[in-house]
Amino acid sequence: MPGSGVPVVFVHGLWLHSTSWQPWAECFRDAGFDPVLPEWPGVPETVAEARAHPESQAGVGIDEVIDHHARIVEDLPEPPVLIGHSFGGLVVLALVDRGLGRAGVAIDPAQVRGVVRVPPAQVRTVFPVLRNPANRKRSVSLTPQQFRQAFGNALPEDESARLHELYTIPGPGRPLFQAALANMTPRTRAATAVDTRRSDRAPLLIVSGGLDRTIPDSLTRAAYRKYQKSSAVTEFRRFPDRGHSLTVDSGWREVANATLEWLGTQGIHGS
């Protein structure tokens, strides 16, 4: 049953299950918020089930993920805080663009259409998926080594392996192709297109990990710069020594506390 606090919707990205947000949910619940941890379309309730049924997500696109979360947000009793990581961060940017949510926090968000930088580190991370066009219609898993390259490069090897075992699930390949081809797709058809100039939207915080290889800091900064043409509140926070795992690794609380602090500056408290 929903609680009495301000709802906060946590949106996971590719290859992580919603249970990866559980420590955040407990932290925000302690602060008076009412956490909601939805899954992407087709994702089973547990990591074990998701691994056993990779076909359940095959072919799911980021547009479907955005629409799915929009329906969840619209069904809540009041506008929630939106917090997302990676492709979940892109979902948050899209929902805020639709006028949803009372505030958005996009952590290492996948790039929106119009961000044209392609850092070599990102190419090395996503190439194993993009090199096979058939992956557009498949779900793809990360090996422990691929997870370390994409998420855990700033962690001790044993911590990266533990996180891979705890939280990783197969993810649809289609969102990666949609993001890669977005700047060659007409804006009206590009699933990753958002209006970064919109001023009648909720406050937005964009968070970057300085050592991130999947969404390198240069991409996150480029996205932030695009939002500078909006008069709405848009702020940027960089954690210089953190990789793409910053929401799930042993330093997650630093990022969560910074998020709570920022919400407080916007006058948003749990209850």
C-alpha atoms as a PDB file:
ATOM      1  CA  MET A   1       0.000   0.000   0.000  1.00  0.00           C
ATOM      2  CA  PRO A   2       1.231   3.531  -0.762  1.00  0.00           C
ATOM      3  CA  GLY A   3       2.516   5.499   2.209  1.00  0.00           C
ATOM      4  CA  SER A   4       1.677   9.057   3.181  1.00  0.00           C
ATOM      5  CA  GLY A   5       4.946  10.609   2.004  1.00  0.00           C
ATOM      6  CA  VAL A   6       5.845  12.222  -1.307  1.00  0.00           C
ATOM      7  CA  PRO A   7       6.244   9.423  -3.872  1.00  0.00           C
ATOM      8  CA  VAL A   8       9.630   8.883  -5.471  1.00  0.00           C
ATOM      9  CA  VAL A   9       9.901   6.665  -8.545  1.00  0.00           C
ATOM     10  CA  PHE A  10      13.249   4.931  -9.103  1.00  0.00           C
ATOM     11  CA  VAL A  11      13.919   3.947 -12.729  1.00  0.00           C
ATOM     12  CA  HIS A  12      16.656   1.412 -13.404  1.00  0.00           C
ATOM     13  CA  GLY A  13      18.650   1.202 -16.599  1.00  0.00           C
ATOM     14  CA  LEU A  14      19.831  -1.605 -18.840  1.00  0.00           C
ATOM     15  CA  TRP A  15      21.217  -4.747 -17.202  1.00  0.00           C
ATOM     16  CA  LEU A  16      20.143  -3.907 -13.643  1.00  0.00           C
ATOM     17  CA  HIS A  17      17.033  -5.164 -11.854  1.00  0.00           C
ATOM     18  CA  SER A  18      14.795  -2.811  -9.868  1.00  0.00           C
ATOM     19  CA  THR A  19      16.002  -4.471  -6.671  1.00  0.00           C
ATOM     20  CA  SER A  20      19.295  -2.626  -7.218  1.00  0.00           C
ATOM     21  CA  TRP A  21      17.421   0.460  -5.938  1.00  0.00           C
ATOM     22  CA  GLN A  22      16.400  -1.193  -2.665  1.00  0.00           C
ATOM     23  CA  PRO A  23      19.057   0.544  -0.495  1.00  0.00           C
ATOM     24  CA  TRP A  24      17.953   3.885  -1.949  1.00  0.00           C
ATOM     25  CA  ALA A  25      14.316   3.023  -1.299  1.00  0.00           C
ATOM     26  CA  GLU A  26      15.051   2.367   2.363  1.00  0.00           C
ATOM     27  CA  CYS A  27      17.104   5.564   2.640  1.00  0.00           C
ATOM     28  CA  PHE A  28      14.338   7.664   1.084  1.00  0.00           C
ATOM     29  CA  ARG A  29      11.658   5.938   3.153  1.00  0.00           C
ATOM     30  CA  ASP A  30      13.603   6.893   6.273  1.00  0.00           C
ATOM     31  CA  ALA A  31      13.548  10.479   4.973  1.00  0.00           C
ATOM     32  CA  GLY A  32       9.746  10.367   4.719  1.00  0.00           C
ATOM     33  CA  PHE A  33       9.343   9.572   1.013  1.00  0.00           C
ATOM     34  CA  ASP A  34       7.180   6.812  -0.431  1.00  0.00           C
ATOM     35  CA  PRO A  35       9.430   4.811  -2.826  1.00  0.00           C
ATOM     36  CA  VAL A  36       8.148   3.091  -5.968  1.00  0.00           C
ATOM     37  CA  LEU A  37      10.435   0.621  -7.799  1.00  0.00           C
ATOM     38  CA  PRO A  38       8.856  -0.316 -11.135  1.00  0.00           C
ATOM     39  CA  GLU A  39      10.309  -2.790 -13.595  1.00  0.00           C
ATOM     40  CA  TRP A  40      10.752  -2.308 -17.316  1.00  0.00           C
ATOM     41  CA  PRO A  41       8.070  -3.953 -19.481  1.00  0.00           C
ATOM     42  CA  GLY A  42       8.430  -7.729 -19.387  1.00  0.00           C
ATOM     43  CA  VAL A  43      10.940  -7.898 -16.536  1.00  0.00           C
ATOM     44  CA  PRO A  44      10.020 -10.529 -13.907  1.00  0.00           C
ATOM     45  CA  GLU A  45       9.920  -9.722 -10.198  1.00  0.00           C
ATOM     46  CA  THR A  46      13.262 -11.311  -9.292  1.00  0.00           C
ATOM     47  CA  VAL A  47      16.776 -11.393 -10.701  1.00  0.00           C
ATOM     48  CA  ALA A  48      16.642 -15.202 -10.909  1.00  0.00           C
ATOM     49  CA  GLU A  49      13.419 -15.148 -12.952  1.00  0.00           C
ATOM     50  CA  ALA A  50      14.757 -12.447 -15.261  1.00  0.00           C
ATOM     51  CA  ARG A  51      17.869 -14.506 -15.948  1.00  0.00           C
ATOM     52  CA  ALA A  52      15.786 -17.619 -16.540  1.00  0.00           C
ATOM     53  CA  HIS A  53      13.545 -15.817 -19.062  1.00  0.00           C
ATOM     54  CA  PRO A  54      15.669 -13.417 -21.135  1.00  0.00           C
ATOM     55  CA  GLU A  55      13.099 -13.601 -23.933  1.00  0.00           C
ATOM     56  CA  SER A  56      10.645 -11.616 -21.791  1.00  0.00           C
ATOM     57  CA  GLN A  57      12.387  -8.343 -22.706  1.00  0.00           C
ATOM     58  CA  ALA A  58      13.526  -9.139 -26.229  1.00  0.00           C
ATOM     59  CA  GLY A  59      12.745  -6.310 -28.639  1.00  0.00           C
ATOM     60  CA  VAL A  60      11.554  -3.824 -26.012  1.00  0.00           C
ATOM     61  CA  GLY A  61      12.438  -0.278 -27.049  1.00  0.00           C
ATOM     62  CA  ILE A  62      13.155   2.808 -24.986  1.00  0.00           C
ATOM     63  CA  ASP A  63       9.938   4.432 -26.248  1.00  0.00           C
ATOM     64  CA  GLU A  64       7.946   1.556 -24.726  1.00  0.00           C
ATOM     65  CA  VAL A  65       9.895   1.906 -21.471  1.00  0.00           C
ATOM     66  CA  ILE A  66       9.144   5.646 -21.330  1.00  0.00           C
ATOM     67  CA  ASP A  67       5.425   5.121 -22.013  1.00  0.00           C
ATOM     68  CA  HIS A  68       5.286   2.333 -19.409  1.00  0.00           C
ATOM     69  CA  HIS A  69       6.750   4.584 -16.715  1.00  0.00           C
ATOM     70  CA  ALA A  70       4.577   7.521 -17.768  1.00  0.00           C
ATOM     71  CA  ARG A  71       1.479   5.433 -17.043  1.00  0.00           C
ATOM     72  CA  ILE A  72       2.861   4.473 -13.626  1.00  0.00           C
ATOM     73  CA  VAL A  73       3.584   8.115 -12.771  1.00  0.00           C
ATOM     74  CA  GLU A  74       0.179   9.308 -13.974  1.00  0.00           C
ATOM     75  CA  ASP A  75      -1.557   6.720 -11.769  1.00  0.00           C
ATOM     76  CA  LEU A  76       0.108   7.972  -8.575  1.00  0.00           C
ATOM     77  CA  PRO A  77      -1.964  10.118  -6.198  1.00  0.00           C
ATOM     78  CA  GLU A  78       0.397  13.076  -6.570  1.00  0.00           C
ATOM     79  CA  PRO A  79       3.373  14.077  -8.736  1.00  0.00           C
ATOM     80  CA  PRO A  80       6.451  12.108  -7.679  1.00  0.00           C
ATOM     81  CA  VAL A  81      10.147  12.788  -7.568  1.00  0.00           C
ATOM     82  CA  LEU A  82      11.727  10.922 -10.506  1.00  0.00           C
ATOM     83  CA  ILE A  83      15.179   9.354 -10.103  1.00  0.00           C
ATOM     84  CA  GLY A  84      16.798   7.287 -12.852  1.00  0.00           C
ATOM     85  CA  HIS A  85      20.166   5.829 -13.739  1.00  0.00           C
ATOM     86  CA  SER A  86      21.652   5.326 -17.221  1.00  0.00           C
ATOM     87  CA  PHE A  87      18.755   4.559 -19.607  1.00  0.00           C
ATOM     88  CA  GLY A  88      16.581   5.096 -16.542  1.00  0.00           C
ATOM     89  CA  GLY A  89      18.052   8.608 -16.413  1.00  0.00           C
ATOM     90  CA  LEU A  90      16.988   9.110 -20.024  1.00  0.00           C
ATOM     91  CA  VAL A  91      13.492   7.942 -19.035  1.00  0.00           C
ATOM     92  CA  VAL A  92      13.472  10.621 -16.315  1.00  0.00           C
ATOM     93  CA  LEU A  93      14.485  13.296 -18.849  1.00  0.00           C
ATOM     94  CA  ALA A  94      11.669  12.165 -21.153  1.00  0.00           C
ATOM     95  CA  LEU A  95       9.071  12.141 -18.358  1.00  0.00           C
ATOM     96  CA  VAL A  96      10.095  15.605 -17.184  1.00  0.00           C
ATOM     97  CA  ASP A  97       9.819  16.748 -20.811  1.00  0.00           C
ATOM     98  CA  ARG A  98       6.213  15.495 -20.779  1.00  0.00           C
ATOM     99  CA  GLY A  99       5.461  17.672 -17.769  1.00  0.00           C
ATOM    100  CA  LEU A 100       5.461  14.785 -15.311  1.00  0.00           C
ATOM    101  CA  GLY A 101       7.048  14.719 -11.867  1.00  0.00           C
ATOM    102  CA  ARG A 102       7.756  17.443  -9.314  1.00  0.00           C
ATOM    103  CA  ALA A 103      11.539  17.045  -9.756  1.00  0.00           C
ATOM    104  CA  GLY A 104      13.870  14.865 -11.812  1.00  0.00           C
ATOM    105  CA  VAL A 105      17.286  13.423 -11.021  1.00  0.00           C
ATOM    106  CA  ALA A 106      19.084  11.865 -14.003  1.00  0.00           C
ATOM    107  CA  ILE A 107      22.199   9.947 -12.943  1.00  0.00           C
ATOM    108  CA  ASP A 108      24.628   9.170 -15.780  1.00  0.00           C
ATOM    109  CA  PRO A 109      21.720   9.467 -18.250  1.00  0.00           C
ATOM    110  CA  ALA A 110      21.969   7.817 -21.654  1.00  0.00           C
ATOM    111  CA  GLN A 111      22.395  10.484 -24.276  1.00  0.00           C
ATOM    112  CA  VAL A 112      19.429  12.326 -25.697  1.00  0.00           C
ATOM    113  CA  ARG A 113      19.143  13.088 -29.398  1.00  0.00           C
ATOM    114  CA  GLY A 114      21.375  16.039 -30.231  1.00  0.00           C
ATOM    115  CA  VAL A 115      24.327  14.956 -28.097  1.00  0.00           C
ATOM    116  CA  VAL A 116      26.741  13.875 -30.803  1.00  0.00           C
ATOM    117  CA  ARG A 117      29.897  13.016 -28.878  1.00  0.00           C
ATOM    118  CA  VAL A 118      30.978   9.370 -29.082  1.00  0.00           C
ATOM    119  CA  PRO A 119      33.883   8.890 -26.635  1.00  0.00           C
ATOM    120  CA  PRO A 120      36.173   5.906 -27.333  1.00  0.00           C
ATOM    121  CA  ALA A 121      35.466   4.455 -23.873  1.00  0.00           C
ATOM    122  CA  GLN A 122      31.756   4.293 -24.669  1.00  0.00           C
ATOM    123  CA  VAL A 123      32.411   2.659 -28.034  1.00  0.00           C
ATOM    124  CA  ARG A 124      34.381  -0.118 -26.325  1.00  0.00           C
ATOM    125  CA  THR A 125      31.580  -0.632 -23.812  1.00  0.00           C
ATOM    126  CA  VAL A 126      28.611  -0.892 -26.181  1.00  0.00           C
ATOM    127  CA  PHE A 127      30.314  -2.384 -29.252  1.00  0.00           C
ATOM    128  CA  PRO A 128      29.782  -6.015 -28.128  1.00  0.00           C
ATOM    129  CA  VAL A 129      26.033  -5.382 -28.493  1.00  0.00           C
ATOM    130  CA  LEU A 130      25.970  -3.077 -31.520  1.00  0.00           C
ATOM    131  CA  ARG A 131      28.313  -5.188 -33.655  1.00  0.00           C
ATOM    132  CA  ASN A 132      25.537  -7.751 -34.177  1.00  0.00           C
ATOM    133  CA  PRO A 133      22.385  -6.234 -35.775  1.00  0.00           C
ATOM    134  CA  ALA A 134      20.391  -9.257 -34.614  1.00  0.00           C
ATOM    135  CA  ASN A 135      20.736  -7.967 -31.049  1.00  0.00           C
ATOM    136  CA  ARG A 136      18.143  -5.330 -31.901  1.00  0.00           C
ATOM    137  CA  LYS A 137      15.502  -8.024 -31.386  1.00  0.00           C
ATOM    138  CA  ARG A 138      17.241  -9.922 -28.601  1.00  0.00           C
ATOM    139  CA  SER A 139      18.014  -9.600 -24.928  1.00  0.00           C
ATOM    140  CA  VAL A 140      21.718  -9.476 -24.153  1.00  0.00           C
ATOM    141  CA  SER A 141      23.520 -10.359 -20.920  1.00  0.00           C
ATOM    142  CA  LEU A 142      26.797  -8.997 -19.584  1.00  0.00           C
ATOM    143  CA  THR A 143      29.536 -11.366 -18.503  1.00  0.00           C
ATOM    144  CA  PRO A 144      31.343 -10.496 -15.254  1.00  0.00           C
ATOM    145  CA  GLN A 145      34.208  -9.129 -17.357  1.00  0.00           C
ATOM    146  CA  GLN A 146      31.873  -6.987 -19.479  1.00  0.00           C
ATOM    147  CA  PHE A 147      30.148  -5.715 -16.342  1.00  0.00           C
ATOM    148  CA  ARG A 148      33.507  -4.685 -14.912  1.00  0.00           C
ATOM    149  CA  GLN A 149      34.316  -2.817 -18.121  1.00  0.00           C
ATOM    150  CA  ALA A 150      30.921  -1.094 -18.272  1.00  0.00           C
ATOM    151  CA  PHE A 151      30.026  -0.595 -14.602  1.00  0.00           C
ATOM    152  CA  GLY A 152      32.751  -1.655 -12.194  1.00  0.00           C
ATOM    153  CA  ASN A 153      35.956  -0.190 -13.605  1.00  0.00           C
ATOM    154  CA  ALA A 154      36.362   2.110 -10.569  1.00  0.00           C
ATOM    155  CA  LEU A 155      35.783  -0.740  -8.082  1.00  0.00           C
ATOM    156  CA  PRO A 156      37.874  -3.545  -6.619  1.00  0.00           C
ATOM    157  CA  GLU A 157      37.432  -6.657  -8.744  1.00  0.00           C
ATOM    158  CA  ASP A 158      35.640  -8.567  -5.983  1.00  0.00           C
ATOM    159  CA  GLU A 159      33.061  -5.824  -5.465  1.00  0.00           C
ATOM    160  CA  SER A 160      32.346  -5.649  -9.190  1.00  0.00           C
ATOM    161  CA  ALA A 161      31.855  -9.433  -9.275  1.00  0.00           C
ATOM    162  CA  ARG A 162      29.511  -9.284  -6.274  1.00  0.00           C
ATOM    163  CA  LEU A 163      27.354  -6.583  -7.856  1.00  0.00           C
ATOM    164  CA  HIS A 164      27.186  -8.547 -11.096  1.00  0.00           C
ATOM    165  CA  GLU A 165      25.921 -11.579  -9.193  1.00  0.00           C
ATOM    166  CA  LEU A 166      23.400  -9.591  -7.128  1.00  0.00           C
ATOM    167  CA  TYR A 167      21.744  -7.340  -9.665  1.00  0.00           C
ATOM    168  CA  THR A 168      22.480  -8.009 -13.336  1.00  0.00           C
ATOM    169  CA  ILE A 169      19.799  -9.279 -15.697  1.00  0.00           C
ATOM    170  CA  PRO A 170      19.543  -9.607 -19.483  1.00  0.00           C
ATOM    171  CA  GLY A 171      18.615  -6.335 -21.166  1.00  0.00           C
ATOM    172  CA  PRO A 172      17.032  -5.617 -24.551  1.00  0.00           C
ATOM    173  CA  GLY A 173      19.484  -4.573 -27.229  1.00  0.00           C
ATOM    174  CA  ARG A 174      17.038  -2.283 -29.012  1.00  0.00           C
ATOM    175  CA  PRO A 175      17.507   0.828 -26.783  1.00  0.00           C
ATOM    176  CA  LEU A 176      21.227   0.848 -27.584  1.00  0.00           C
ATOM    177  CA  PHE A 177      20.499   0.846 -31.316  1.00  0.00           C
ATOM    178  CA  GLN A 178      17.894   3.585 -30.866  1.00  0.00           C
ATOM    179  CA  ALA A 179      20.374   5.769 -29.002  1.00  0.00           C
ATOM    180  CA  ALA A 180      23.172   5.079 -31.487  1.00  0.00           C
ATOM    181  CA  LEU A 181      20.991   6.013 -34.489  1.00  0.00           C
ATOM    182  CA  ALA A 182      19.060   8.871 -32.886  1.00  0.00           C
ATOM    183  CA  ASN A 183      20.959  11.691 -34.569  1.00  0.00           C
ATOM    184  CA  MET A 184      20.304  10.097 -37.974  1.00  0.00           C
ATOM    185  CA  THR A 185      16.588   9.695 -37.210  1.00  0.00           C
ATOM    186  CA  PRO A 186      14.040  12.504 -37.727  1.00  0.00           C
ATOM    187  CA  ARG A 187      13.288  14.181 -34.419  1.00  0.00           C
ATOM    188  CA  THR A 188       9.616  13.232 -34.505  1.00  0.00           C
ATOM    189  CA  ARG A 189      10.556   9.553 -34.773  1.00  0.00           C
ATOM    190  CA  ALA A 190      13.569   9.451 -32.461  1.00  0.00           C
ATOM    191  CA  ALA A 191      12.743   7.738 -29.171  1.00  0.00           C
ATOM    192  CA  THR A 192      15.501   9.642 -27.358  1.00  0.00           C
ATOM    193  CA  ALA A 193      14.400  13.147 -28.440  1.00  0.00           C
ATOM    194  CA  VAL A 194      13.502  15.606 -25.666  1.00  0.00           C
ATOM    195  CA  ASP A 195      12.970  19.363 -25.631  1.00  0.00           C
ATOM    196  CA  THR A 196      15.949  20.567 -23.623  1.00  0.00           C
ATOM    197  CA  ARG A 197      14.816  24.201 -24.031  1.00  0.00           C
ATOM    198  CA  ARG A 198      11.492  23.675 -22.284  1.00  0.00           C
ATOM    199  CA  SER A 199      11.121  26.070 -19.351  1.00  0.00           C
ATOM    200  CA  ASP A 200       7.752  24.971 -17.936  1.00  0.00           C
ATOM    201  CA  ARG A 201       9.114  21.788 -16.424  1.00  0.00           C
ATOM    202  CA  ALA A 202      10.154  20.460 -13.033  1.00  0.00           C
ATOM    203  CA  PRO A 203      13.606  21.174 -11.554  1.00  0.00           C
ATOM    204  CA  LEU A 204      16.275  18.834 -12.879  1.00  0.00           C
ATOM    205  CA  LEU A 205      19.549  17.568 -11.417  1.00  0.00           C
ATOM    206  CA  ILE A 206      22.007  15.821 -13.743  1.00  0.00           C
ATOM    207  CA  VAL A 207      24.621  13.662 -12.012  1.00  0.00           C
ATOM    208  CA  SER A 208      27.860  12.419 -13.548  1.00  0.00           C
ATOM    209  CA  GLY A 209      30.471   9.856 -12.584  1.00  0.00           C
ATOM    210  CA  GLY A 210      33.890  11.163 -13.541  1.00  0.00           C
ATOM    211  CA  LEU A 211      35.271   7.671 -14.289  1.00  0.00           C
ATOM    212  CA  ASP A 212      32.159   6.378 -16.068  1.00  0.00           C
ATOM    213  CA  ARG A 213      32.953   4.469 -19.265  1.00  0.00           C
ATOM    214  CA  THR A 214      29.385   3.672 -20.331  1.00  0.00           C
ATOM    215  CA  ILE A 215      28.109   7.263 -20.139  1.00  0.00           C
ATOM    216  CA  PRO A 216      31.371   9.201 -19.908  1.00  0.00           C
ATOM    217  CA  ASP A 217      31.456  12.503 -18.055  1.00  0.00           C
ATOM    218  CA  SER A 218      31.906  14.381 -21.334  1.00  0.00           C
ATOM    219  CA  LEU A 219      28.503  13.088 -22.520  1.00  0.00           C
ATOM    220  CA  THR A 220      26.765  14.034 -19.298  1.00  0.00           C
ATOM    221  CA  ARG A 221      28.289  17.510 -19.429  1.00  0.00           C
ATOM    222  CA  ALA A 222      27.192  17.859 -23.061  1.00  0.00           C
ATOM    223  CA  ALA A 223      23.626  17.026 -22.068  1.00  0.00           C
ATOM    224  CA  TYR A 224      23.767  19.549 -19.221  1.00  0.00           C
ATOM    225  CA  ARG A 225      24.972  22.256 -21.618  1.00  0.00           C
ATOM    226  CA  LYS A 226      21.987  21.615 -23.890  1.00  0.00           C
ATOM    227  CA  TYR A 227      19.678  22.300 -20.947  1.00  0.00           C
ATOM    228  CA  GLN A 228      21.287  25.704 -20.325  1.00  0.00           C
ATOM    229  CA  LYS A 229      18.943  27.305 -22.865  1.00  0.00           C
ATOM    230  CA  SER A 230      16.021  26.565 -20.537  1.00  0.00           C
ATOM    231  CA  SER A 231      15.090  29.005 -17.762  1.00  0.00           C
ATOM    232  CA  ALA A 232      13.896  26.100 -15.589  1.00  0.00           C
ATOM    233  CA  VAL A 233      16.124  24.951 -12.731  1.00  0.00           C
ATOM    234  CA  THR A 234      18.864  22.674 -14.069  1.00  0.00           C
ATOM    235  CA  GLU A 235      21.851  21.781 -11.922  1.00  0.00           C
ATOM    236  CA  PHE A 236      24.863  19.523 -12.320  1.00  0.00           C
ATOM    237  CA  ARG A 237      26.769  17.397  -9.799  1.00  0.00           C
ATOM    238  CA  ARG A 238      29.926  15.436 -10.591  1.00  0.00           C
ATOM    239  CA  PHE A 239      31.442  12.636  -8.511  1.00  0.00           C
ATOM    240  CA  PRO A 240      34.980  12.583  -9.936  1.00  0.00           C
ATOM    241  CA  ASP A 241      36.127   9.169  -8.716  1.00  0.00           C
ATOM    242  CA  ARG A 242      32.992   7.175  -9.503  1.00  0.00           C
ATOM    243  CA  GLY A 243      32.108   4.886 -12.398  1.00  0.00           C
ATOM    244  CA  HIS A 244      28.780   3.757 -13.853  1.00  0.00           C
ATOM    245  CA  SER A 245      28.152   1.679 -10.718  1.00  0.00           C
ATOM    246  CA  LEU A 246      27.738   4.769  -8.538  1.00  0.00           C
ATOM    247  CA  THR A 247      24.101   3.988  -7.650  1.00  0.00           C
ATOM    248  CA  VAL A 248      24.786   0.410  -6.530  1.00  0.00           C
ATOM    249  CA  ASP A 249      28.354   0.196  -5.262  1.00  0.00           C
ATOM    250  CA  SER A 250      29.601   0.744  -1.711  1.00  0.00           C
ATOM    251  CA  GLY A 251      29.520   4.529  -2.215  1.00  0.00           C
ATOM    252  CA  TRP A 252      25.836   4.703  -3.188  1.00  0.00           C
ATOM    253  CA  ARG A 253      24.871   6.574  -0.006  1.00  0.00           C
ATOM    254  CA  GLU A 254      27.035   9.573  -0.943  1.00  0.00           C
ATOM    255  CA  VAL A 255      25.043   9.970  -4.149  1.00  0.00           C
ATOM    256  CA  ALA A 256      21.724   9.346  -2.396  1.00  0.00           C
ATOM    257  CA  ASN A 257      22.489  11.916   0.305  1.00  0.00           C
ATOM    258  CA  ALA A 258      23.494  14.468  -2.322  1.00  0.00           C
ATOM    259  CA  THR A 259      20.181  13.828  -4.072  1.00  0.00           C
ATOM    260  CA  LEU A 260      18.207  14.303  -0.855  1.00  0.00           C
ATOM    261  CA  GLU A 261      20.150  17.487  -0.127  1.00  0.00           C
ATOM    262  CA  TRP A 262      19.377  18.868  -3.590  1.00  0.00           C
ATOM    263  CA  LEU A 263      15.687  18.030  -3.239  1.00  0.00           C
ATOM    264  CA  GLY A 264      15.709  19.950   0.011  1.00  0.00           C
ATOM    265  CA  THR A 265      17.089  23.025  -1.769  1.00  0.00           C
ATOM    266  CA  GLN A 266      14.092  22.764  -4.097  1.00  0.00           C
ATOM    267  CA  GLY A 267      11.730  22.698  -1.128  1.00  0.00           C
ATOM    268  CA  ILE A 268      10.883  19.033  -1.645  1.00  0.00           C
ATOM    269  CA  HIS A 269      10.785  16.911   1.497  1.00  0.00           C
ATOM    270  CA  GLY A 270       9.403  13.453   2.114  1.00  0.00           C
ATOM    271  CA  SER A 271       6.552  14.411   4.411  1.00  0.00           C
END
